N, C-alpha and C. Protein backbone atom coordinates (compact mmCIF):
# COMPACT_ATOMS: atom_id res chain seq x y z
N MET A 1 0.84 -1.19 0.00
CA MET A 1 0.00 0.00 0.00
C MET A 1 0.88 1.25 0.00
N THR A 2 0.49 2.24 -0.75
CA THR A 2 1.23 3.48 -0.89
C THR A 2 1.12 4.32 0.38
N GLU A 3 2.25 4.88 0.79
CA GLU A 3 2.21 5.80 1.93
C GLU A 3 1.71 7.14 1.45
N LEU A 4 0.92 7.80 2.30
CA LEU A 4 0.32 9.08 1.93
C LEU A 4 0.68 10.15 2.95
N ILE A 5 0.83 11.35 2.47
CA ILE A 5 1.00 12.52 3.33
C ILE A 5 -0.27 13.33 3.21
N THR A 6 -0.80 13.78 4.33
CA THR A 6 -2.06 14.50 4.34
C THR A 6 -1.82 16.00 4.44
N LEU A 7 -2.57 16.75 3.65
CA LEU A 7 -2.51 18.21 3.68
C LEU A 7 -3.94 18.73 3.78
N ASN A 8 -4.20 19.57 4.77
CA ASN A 8 -5.52 20.20 4.93
C ASN A 8 -5.48 21.57 4.28
N ILE A 9 -6.29 21.76 3.26
CA ILE A 9 -6.33 23.02 2.53
C ILE A 9 -7.43 23.89 3.14
N PRO A 10 -7.09 25.10 3.60
CA PRO A 10 -8.12 25.99 4.15
C PRO A 10 -8.98 26.56 3.03
N LEU A 11 -10.30 26.36 3.14
CA LEU A 11 -11.25 26.80 2.11
C LEU A 11 -12.48 27.42 2.76
N LYS A 12 -13.24 28.12 1.95
CA LYS A 12 -14.56 28.54 2.40
C LYS A 12 -15.46 27.32 2.40
N SER A 13 -16.48 27.34 3.22
CA SER A 13 -17.31 26.15 3.41
C SER A 13 -17.98 25.68 2.12
N TYR A 14 -18.40 26.60 1.25
CA TYR A 14 -19.07 26.17 0.02
C TYR A 14 -18.12 25.44 -0.92
N LEU A 15 -16.83 25.83 -0.91
CA LEU A 15 -15.85 25.13 -1.74
C LEU A 15 -15.54 23.75 -1.18
N LYS A 16 -15.52 23.63 0.15
CA LYS A 16 -15.32 22.31 0.74
C LYS A 16 -16.47 21.38 0.36
N LYS A 17 -17.72 21.87 0.41
CA LYS A 17 -18.87 21.05 0.04
C LYS A 17 -18.80 20.66 -1.43
N TYR A 18 -18.38 21.58 -2.28
CA TYR A 18 -18.24 21.31 -3.71
C TYR A 18 -17.23 20.19 -3.93
N LEU A 19 -16.04 20.30 -3.32
CA LEU A 19 -15.01 19.28 -3.49
C LEU A 19 -15.42 17.95 -2.87
N THR A 20 -16.08 18.00 -1.72
CA THR A 20 -16.52 16.77 -1.06
C THR A 20 -17.54 16.04 -1.94
N HIS A 21 -18.44 16.80 -2.56
CA HIS A 21 -19.43 16.18 -3.44
C HIS A 21 -18.76 15.62 -4.69
N LYS A 22 -17.73 16.30 -5.17
CA LYS A 22 -17.06 15.89 -6.40
C LYS A 22 -16.08 14.73 -6.18
N TYR A 23 -15.32 14.77 -5.08
CA TYR A 23 -14.25 13.80 -4.86
C TYR A 23 -14.40 12.94 -3.60
N GLY A 24 -15.30 13.28 -2.71
CA GLY A 24 -15.40 12.57 -1.45
C GLY A 24 -14.73 13.36 -0.33
N ILE A 25 -14.68 12.76 0.85
CA ILE A 25 -14.16 13.46 2.03
C ILE A 25 -12.68 13.81 1.86
N THR A 26 -11.92 12.91 1.26
CA THR A 26 -10.49 13.13 1.02
C THR A 26 -10.20 12.83 -0.45
N HIS A 27 -9.37 13.65 -1.04
CA HIS A 27 -8.97 13.42 -2.43
C HIS A 27 -7.52 12.98 -2.46
N CYS A 28 -7.26 11.84 -3.09
CA CYS A 28 -5.89 11.35 -3.25
C CYS A 28 -5.33 11.95 -4.55
N VAL A 29 -4.27 12.70 -4.41
CA VAL A 29 -3.67 13.39 -5.55
C VAL A 29 -3.16 12.38 -6.58
N SER A 30 -3.55 12.59 -7.81
CA SER A 30 -3.03 11.82 -8.93
C SER A 30 -3.09 12.71 -10.16
N LYS A 31 -2.48 12.26 -11.21
CA LYS A 31 -2.48 13.05 -12.44
C LYS A 31 -3.74 12.82 -13.27
N ARG A 32 -4.72 12.12 -12.70
CA ARG A 32 -5.97 11.85 -13.41
C ARG A 32 -7.08 12.84 -13.08
N SER A 33 -6.87 13.74 -12.15
CA SER A 33 -7.89 14.74 -11.83
C SER A 33 -7.28 16.12 -11.99
N TRP A 34 -8.12 17.12 -12.27
CA TRP A 34 -7.60 18.47 -12.44
C TRP A 34 -6.97 18.97 -11.13
N LEU A 35 -7.56 18.60 -9.99
CA LEU A 35 -7.03 19.04 -8.70
C LEU A 35 -5.65 18.43 -8.47
N GLY A 36 -5.51 17.15 -8.78
CA GLY A 36 -4.22 16.48 -8.63
C GLY A 36 -3.17 17.06 -9.56
N CYS A 37 -3.54 17.24 -10.82
CA CYS A 37 -2.60 17.81 -11.80
C CYS A 37 -2.15 19.21 -11.39
N TYR A 38 -3.10 20.01 -10.97
CA TYR A 38 -2.78 21.38 -10.57
C TYR A 38 -1.87 21.39 -9.35
N PHE A 39 -2.18 20.53 -8.38
CA PHE A 39 -1.37 20.46 -7.17
C PHE A 39 0.06 20.01 -7.49
N VAL A 40 0.20 19.00 -8.32
CA VAL A 40 1.53 18.52 -8.72
C VAL A 40 2.30 19.63 -9.42
N ASP A 41 1.64 20.37 -10.31
CA ASP A 41 2.31 21.47 -11.00
C ASP A 41 2.76 22.55 -10.01
N LEU A 42 1.93 22.85 -9.01
CA LEU A 42 2.30 23.83 -8.01
C LEU A 42 3.54 23.40 -7.23
N CYS A 43 3.59 22.12 -6.89
CA CYS A 43 4.73 21.61 -6.11
C CYS A 43 6.03 21.60 -6.90
N LYS A 44 5.94 21.53 -8.22
CA LYS A 44 7.14 21.48 -9.07
C LYS A 44 7.93 22.78 -9.00
N TYR A 45 7.24 23.92 -8.95
CA TYR A 45 7.91 25.21 -9.02
C TYR A 45 8.56 25.55 -7.69
N LYS A 46 9.87 25.75 -7.73
CA LYS A 46 10.63 26.06 -6.52
C LYS A 46 10.65 27.57 -6.25
N ASN A 47 10.88 28.35 -7.27
CA ASN A 47 10.96 29.80 -7.10
C ASN A 47 9.65 30.46 -7.51
N TYR A 48 8.62 30.15 -6.78
CA TYR A 48 7.29 30.66 -7.07
C TYR A 48 7.20 32.08 -6.55
N ARG A 49 6.57 32.96 -7.30
CA ARG A 49 6.49 34.36 -6.86
C ARG A 49 5.75 34.45 -5.53
N GLN A 50 6.28 35.23 -4.64
CA GLN A 50 5.69 35.38 -3.31
C GLN A 50 4.84 36.65 -3.27
N ILE A 51 3.62 36.50 -2.84
CA ILE A 51 2.75 37.65 -2.64
C ILE A 51 2.19 37.57 -1.23
N LYS A 52 1.91 38.72 -0.69
CA LYS A 52 1.34 38.72 0.65
C LYS A 52 -0.17 38.54 0.53
N GLY A 53 -0.69 37.72 1.38
CA GLY A 53 -2.12 37.48 1.35
C GLY A 53 -2.53 36.70 2.57
N VAL A 54 -3.76 36.85 2.92
CA VAL A 54 -4.30 36.16 4.08
C VAL A 54 -5.11 34.97 3.60
N ILE A 55 -4.89 33.84 4.22
CA ILE A 55 -5.66 32.65 3.91
C ILE A 55 -6.83 32.58 4.88
N VAL A 56 -8.03 32.52 4.34
CA VAL A 56 -9.22 32.40 5.17
C VAL A 56 -9.35 30.97 5.64
N LYS A 57 -9.34 30.77 6.96
CA LYS A 57 -9.39 29.42 7.52
C LYS A 57 -10.80 29.11 8.02
N GLU A 58 -11.76 29.20 7.13
CA GLU A 58 -13.16 28.95 7.47
C GLU A 58 -13.44 27.46 7.64
N ASP A 59 -12.86 26.66 6.76
CA ASP A 59 -13.05 25.21 6.77
C ASP A 59 -11.83 24.59 6.09
N PHE A 60 -11.74 23.27 6.10
CA PHE A 60 -10.59 22.59 5.50
C PHE A 60 -11.06 21.44 4.63
N TYR A 61 -10.33 21.21 3.54
CA TYR A 61 -10.54 20.03 2.71
C TYR A 61 -9.22 19.26 2.70
N THR A 62 -9.31 17.96 2.88
CA THR A 62 -8.12 17.13 3.00
C THR A 62 -7.75 16.50 1.67
N ILE A 63 -6.48 16.65 1.32
CA ILE A 63 -5.96 15.91 0.17
C ILE A 63 -4.82 15.03 0.68
N SER A 64 -4.68 13.88 0.06
CA SER A 64 -3.61 12.95 0.40
C SER A 64 -2.65 12.89 -0.78
N ILE A 65 -1.38 13.03 -0.46
CA ILE A 65 -0.37 13.04 -1.51
C ILE A 65 0.47 11.78 -1.38
N PRO A 66 0.48 10.94 -2.40
CA PRO A 66 1.32 9.74 -2.35
C PRO A 66 2.81 10.13 -2.27
N THR A 67 3.57 9.37 -1.50
CA THR A 67 4.99 9.68 -1.38
C THR A 67 5.72 9.54 -2.71
N SER A 68 5.19 8.74 -3.62
CA SER A 68 5.81 8.60 -4.94
C SER A 68 5.79 9.93 -5.70
N ILE A 69 4.72 10.69 -5.56
CA ILE A 69 4.64 12.01 -6.22
C ILE A 69 5.63 12.97 -5.57
N ILE A 70 5.71 12.91 -4.25
CA ILE A 70 6.64 13.79 -3.55
C ILE A 70 8.08 13.48 -3.95
N LYS A 71 8.41 12.21 -4.12
CA LYS A 71 9.75 11.82 -4.55
C LYS A 71 10.04 12.30 -5.96
N ASP A 72 9.02 12.27 -6.83
CA ASP A 72 9.21 12.69 -8.22
C ASP A 72 9.33 14.20 -8.39
N VAL A 73 8.44 14.96 -7.76
CA VAL A 73 8.38 16.40 -8.01
C VAL A 73 8.77 17.25 -6.81
N GLY A 74 8.87 16.65 -5.63
CA GLY A 74 9.18 17.42 -4.43
C GLY A 74 7.91 17.90 -3.75
N PHE A 75 8.10 18.58 -2.66
CA PHE A 75 6.96 19.08 -1.91
C PHE A 75 7.31 20.47 -1.40
N ASP A 76 7.14 21.43 -2.24
CA ASP A 76 7.43 22.82 -1.90
C ASP A 76 6.11 23.57 -1.91
N ILE A 77 5.49 23.69 -0.74
CA ILE A 77 4.18 24.33 -0.66
C ILE A 77 4.29 25.53 0.28
N SER A 78 3.84 26.66 -0.18
CA SER A 78 3.92 27.89 0.61
C SER A 78 2.53 28.50 0.75
N THR A 79 2.45 29.54 1.53
CA THR A 79 1.19 30.26 1.70
C THR A 79 0.69 30.77 0.35
N THR A 80 1.60 31.27 -0.45
CA THR A 80 1.23 31.79 -1.77
C THR A 80 0.66 30.69 -2.65
N LYS A 81 1.28 29.52 -2.62
CA LYS A 81 0.79 28.40 -3.43
C LYS A 81 -0.57 27.91 -2.95
N ILE A 82 -0.78 27.86 -1.63
CA ILE A 82 -2.09 27.46 -1.09
C ILE A 82 -3.14 28.47 -1.53
N LYS A 83 -2.83 29.76 -1.44
CA LYS A 83 -3.77 30.80 -1.86
C LYS A 83 -4.10 30.65 -3.35
N ASN A 84 -3.08 30.36 -4.15
CA ASN A 84 -3.29 30.16 -5.58
C ASN A 84 -4.16 28.94 -5.84
N LEU A 85 -3.95 27.87 -5.10
CA LEU A 85 -4.75 26.65 -5.23
C LEU A 85 -6.21 26.93 -4.88
N VAL A 86 -6.44 27.67 -3.81
CA VAL A 86 -7.82 28.01 -3.40
C VAL A 86 -8.50 28.86 -4.48
N GLU A 87 -7.77 29.80 -5.05
CA GLU A 87 -8.33 30.63 -6.12
C GLU A 87 -8.70 29.78 -7.33
N MET A 88 -7.86 28.80 -7.66
CA MET A 88 -8.15 27.92 -8.79
C MET A 88 -9.37 27.06 -8.52
N ILE A 89 -9.50 26.56 -7.29
CA ILE A 89 -10.68 25.77 -6.92
C ILE A 89 -11.94 26.61 -7.09
N ASP A 90 -11.88 27.87 -6.67
CA ASP A 90 -13.02 28.77 -6.82
C ASP A 90 -13.34 29.00 -8.30
N LYS A 91 -12.32 29.16 -9.14
CA LYS A 91 -12.54 29.35 -10.58
C LYS A 91 -13.18 28.13 -11.21
N VAL A 92 -12.74 26.95 -10.81
CA VAL A 92 -13.32 25.71 -11.35
C VAL A 92 -14.77 25.57 -10.88
N PHE A 93 -15.04 25.92 -9.63
CA PHE A 93 -16.42 25.91 -9.12
C PHE A 93 -17.30 26.81 -9.98
N LEU A 94 -16.86 28.04 -10.23
CA LEU A 94 -17.64 28.97 -11.05
C LEU A 94 -17.78 28.46 -12.48
N ASN A 95 -16.72 27.90 -13.02
CA ASN A 95 -16.78 27.36 -14.38
C ASN A 95 -17.81 26.24 -14.48
N ASP A 96 -17.82 25.33 -13.50
CA ASP A 96 -18.81 24.25 -13.49
C ASP A 96 -20.23 24.82 -13.38
N LEU A 97 -20.40 25.80 -12.51
CA LEU A 97 -21.71 26.43 -12.34
C LEU A 97 -22.16 27.09 -13.65
N PHE A 98 -21.30 27.89 -14.26
CA PHE A 98 -21.66 28.59 -15.49
C PHE A 98 -21.95 27.61 -16.62
N SER A 99 -21.21 26.53 -16.67
CA SER A 99 -21.47 25.51 -17.70
C SER A 99 -22.84 24.87 -17.46
N TYR A 100 -23.17 24.61 -16.21
CA TYR A 100 -24.48 24.04 -15.89
C TYR A 100 -25.59 25.01 -16.31
N ILE A 101 -25.43 26.28 -16.02
CA ILE A 101 -26.44 27.28 -16.38
C ILE A 101 -26.64 27.28 -17.89
N GLU A 102 -25.56 27.35 -18.64
CA GLU A 102 -25.66 27.42 -20.10
C GLU A 102 -26.29 26.16 -20.69
N VAL A 103 -25.92 24.99 -20.17
CA VAL A 103 -26.49 23.74 -20.67
C VAL A 103 -27.97 23.63 -20.32
N SER A 104 -28.32 23.97 -19.08
CA SER A 104 -29.72 23.81 -18.67
C SER A 104 -30.64 24.80 -19.38
N ILE A 105 -30.16 25.99 -19.64
CA ILE A 105 -30.98 26.96 -20.37
C ILE A 105 -30.98 26.63 -21.86
N GLY A 106 -29.82 26.27 -22.39
CA GLY A 106 -29.71 25.93 -23.81
C GLY A 106 -30.47 24.67 -24.19
N SER A 107 -30.68 23.76 -23.24
CA SER A 107 -31.41 22.52 -23.51
C SER A 107 -32.91 22.69 -23.37
N ASP A 108 -33.31 23.90 -23.08
CA ASP A 108 -34.74 24.23 -22.93
C ASP A 108 -35.39 23.37 -21.84
N LEU A 109 -34.65 23.20 -20.71
CA LEU A 109 -35.20 22.43 -19.59
C LEU A 109 -36.40 23.15 -18.99
N LYS A 110 -37.26 22.37 -18.39
CA LYS A 110 -38.43 22.92 -17.74
C LYS A 110 -38.50 22.37 -16.32
N PHE A 111 -39.18 23.10 -15.43
CA PHE A 111 -39.37 22.61 -14.08
C PHE A 111 -40.81 22.89 -13.66
N ILE A 112 -41.26 22.14 -12.68
CA ILE A 112 -42.64 22.30 -12.20
C ILE A 112 -42.66 23.28 -11.04
N ASN A 113 -43.48 24.32 -11.18
CA ASN A 113 -43.68 25.28 -10.11
C ASN A 113 -44.86 24.78 -9.28
N GLU A 114 -44.54 24.19 -8.13
CA GLU A 114 -45.58 23.57 -7.30
C GLU A 114 -46.54 24.60 -6.71
N LYS A 115 -46.06 25.80 -6.47
CA LYS A 115 -46.90 26.84 -5.88
C LYS A 115 -48.08 27.19 -6.79
N TYR A 116 -47.81 27.30 -8.10
CA TYR A 116 -48.84 27.68 -9.06
C TYR A 116 -49.28 26.52 -9.96
N GLN A 117 -48.76 25.32 -9.71
CA GLN A 117 -49.10 24.15 -10.51
C GLN A 117 -48.91 24.42 -12.00
N SER A 118 -47.72 24.91 -12.32
CA SER A 118 -47.42 25.22 -13.72
C SER A 118 -46.04 24.68 -14.10
N VAL A 119 -45.82 24.57 -15.41
CA VAL A 119 -44.53 24.15 -15.92
C VAL A 119 -43.84 25.38 -16.48
N ASN A 120 -42.64 25.67 -15.97
CA ASN A 120 -41.92 26.88 -16.38
C ASN A 120 -40.61 26.52 -17.07
N LYS A 121 -40.15 27.41 -17.92
CA LYS A 121 -38.85 27.23 -18.57
C LYS A 121 -37.76 27.53 -17.55
N GLN A 122 -36.64 26.88 -17.74
CA GLN A 122 -35.48 27.11 -16.88
C GLN A 122 -35.02 28.55 -17.00
N ASN A 123 -34.58 29.13 -15.88
CA ASN A 123 -33.99 30.46 -15.92
C ASN A 123 -32.68 30.43 -15.13
N ILE A 124 -31.94 31.50 -15.20
CA ILE A 124 -30.61 31.54 -14.60
C ILE A 124 -30.67 31.35 -13.09
N LEU A 125 -31.55 32.07 -12.41
CA LEU A 125 -31.63 31.95 -10.96
C LEU A 125 -32.02 30.54 -10.53
N ARG A 126 -32.94 29.93 -11.24
CA ARG A 126 -33.35 28.56 -10.91
C ARG A 126 -32.20 27.58 -11.13
N ALA A 127 -31.43 27.78 -12.19
CA ALA A 127 -30.28 26.92 -12.47
C ALA A 127 -29.23 27.06 -11.37
N ILE A 128 -28.98 28.27 -10.92
CA ILE A 128 -28.03 28.50 -9.83
C ILE A 128 -28.50 27.79 -8.57
N THR A 129 -29.77 27.95 -8.24
CA THR A 129 -30.33 27.30 -7.05
C THR A 129 -30.21 25.79 -7.14
N GLN A 130 -30.51 25.22 -8.30
CA GLN A 130 -30.39 23.77 -8.49
C GLN A 130 -28.95 23.30 -8.29
N PHE A 131 -28.00 24.04 -8.86
CA PHE A 131 -26.59 23.68 -8.73
C PHE A 131 -26.15 23.71 -7.27
N LEU A 132 -26.53 24.76 -6.55
CA LEU A 132 -26.15 24.88 -5.15
C LEU A 132 -26.79 23.78 -4.31
N GLU A 133 -28.07 23.48 -4.57
CA GLU A 133 -28.75 22.41 -3.83
C GLU A 133 -28.12 21.06 -4.11
N PHE A 134 -27.72 20.82 -5.35
CA PHE A 134 -27.09 19.57 -5.74
C PHE A 134 -25.80 19.33 -4.95
N HIS A 135 -25.06 20.41 -4.70
CA HIS A 135 -23.81 20.31 -3.96
C HIS A 135 -23.98 20.55 -2.46
N GLY A 136 -25.21 20.75 -2.00
CA GLY A 136 -25.48 20.94 -0.58
C GLY A 136 -25.00 22.27 -0.04
N ILE A 137 -24.98 23.29 -0.88
CA ILE A 137 -24.50 24.62 -0.49
C ILE A 137 -25.71 25.50 -0.17
N SER A 138 -25.68 26.12 0.99
CA SER A 138 -26.81 26.96 1.41
C SER A 138 -26.64 28.39 0.91
N GLU A 139 -27.72 29.13 0.95
CA GLU A 139 -27.73 30.54 0.54
C GLU A 139 -26.81 31.38 1.43
N ASP A 140 -26.67 30.98 2.69
CA ASP A 140 -25.79 31.70 3.62
C ASP A 140 -24.32 31.54 3.24
N GLU A 141 -23.97 30.42 2.65
CA GLU A 141 -22.58 30.17 2.28
C GLU A 141 -22.19 30.88 0.98
N LYS A 142 -23.07 30.87 0.01
CA LYS A 142 -22.81 31.54 -1.26
C LYS A 142 -24.14 32.06 -1.79
N SER A 143 -24.23 33.34 -1.95
CA SER A 143 -25.48 33.99 -2.36
C SER A 143 -25.81 33.75 -3.83
N THR A 144 -27.05 33.42 -4.08
CA THR A 144 -27.54 33.24 -5.45
C THR A 144 -27.39 34.53 -6.24
N GLU A 145 -27.69 35.65 -5.60
CA GLU A 145 -27.58 36.95 -6.28
C GLU A 145 -26.14 37.27 -6.68
N THR A 146 -25.19 36.94 -5.81
CA THR A 146 -23.78 37.17 -6.13
C THR A 146 -23.37 36.34 -7.34
N LEU A 147 -23.79 35.09 -7.36
CA LEU A 147 -23.46 34.22 -8.50
C LEU A 147 -24.16 34.68 -9.77
N TYR A 148 -25.38 35.19 -9.63
CA TYR A 148 -26.13 35.70 -10.79
C TYR A 148 -25.38 36.89 -11.41
N ARG A 149 -24.90 37.80 -10.56
CA ARG A 149 -24.16 38.96 -11.07
C ARG A 149 -22.83 38.52 -11.71
N ALA A 150 -22.16 37.54 -11.09
CA ALA A 150 -20.90 37.04 -11.66
C ALA A 150 -21.14 36.40 -13.03
N PHE A 151 -22.24 35.66 -13.17
CA PHE A 151 -22.58 35.06 -14.46
C PHE A 151 -22.85 36.15 -15.49
N GLY A 152 -23.56 37.19 -15.10
CA GLY A 152 -23.83 38.30 -16.01
C GLY A 152 -22.56 38.98 -16.47
N ARG A 153 -21.62 39.19 -15.56
CA ARG A 153 -20.33 39.81 -15.92
C ARG A 153 -19.56 38.91 -16.88
N MET A 154 -19.59 37.60 -16.63
CA MET A 154 -18.88 36.66 -17.50
C MET A 154 -19.47 36.69 -18.90
N ARG A 155 -20.80 36.68 -18.99
CA ARG A 155 -21.44 36.71 -20.32
C ARG A 155 -21.12 38.00 -21.06
N LYS A 156 -21.13 39.11 -20.33
CA LYS A 156 -20.82 40.40 -20.95
C LYS A 156 -19.39 40.41 -21.47
N THR A 157 -18.45 39.89 -20.70
CA THR A 157 -17.05 39.82 -21.11
C THR A 157 -16.90 38.92 -22.33
N ASP A 158 -17.59 37.78 -22.34
CA ASP A 158 -17.51 36.87 -23.49
C ASP A 158 -18.07 37.51 -24.75
N LYS A 159 -19.16 38.26 -24.63
CA LYS A 159 -19.75 38.94 -25.79
C LYS A 159 -18.81 40.00 -26.35
N GLU A 160 -18.13 40.73 -25.45
CA GLU A 160 -17.20 41.76 -25.89
C GLU A 160 -16.01 41.15 -26.61
N LYS A 161 -15.56 39.98 -26.17
CA LYS A 161 -14.43 39.32 -26.82
C LYS A 161 -14.79 38.83 -28.23
N LYS A 162 -16.06 38.44 -28.40
CA LYS A 162 -16.50 37.93 -29.71
C LYS A 162 -16.64 39.04 -30.75
N THR A 163 -16.90 40.27 -30.31
CA THR A 163 -17.09 41.36 -31.26
C THR A 163 -15.82 42.07 -31.58
């Protein structure tokens, strides 16, 4: 059996729930997942640019690193690299959310409105709510309105790039 080294990554609670739903309670680093690949790439760089920043220690997600990876690439992890990893996890979370919104709206999905006993077309806010519920994320952890505005900014930026 492979020996593992455990690293607790400080994250906001909604990101921990997202990763737990995606990978389970602990993720074993390998080159087969984006998180593993990104982590291995971070560990490779020895002279990583140092920036000052505060790591929010709201919650933790555990990753296990096989000693074979540490022997191959080393284990050089700093506050800056942890902060960069957390930012990338947040970007992947938003990317998954935005992809879900676009697919669910583009597929002309419908949902049943139990209050009015009607069938409605999917909309952005409903898609965001569904995504958050699927990952067990509450409104207190990540606001639907905040995500709605972020999606609007992303769409606006994408439209400007196309023109």
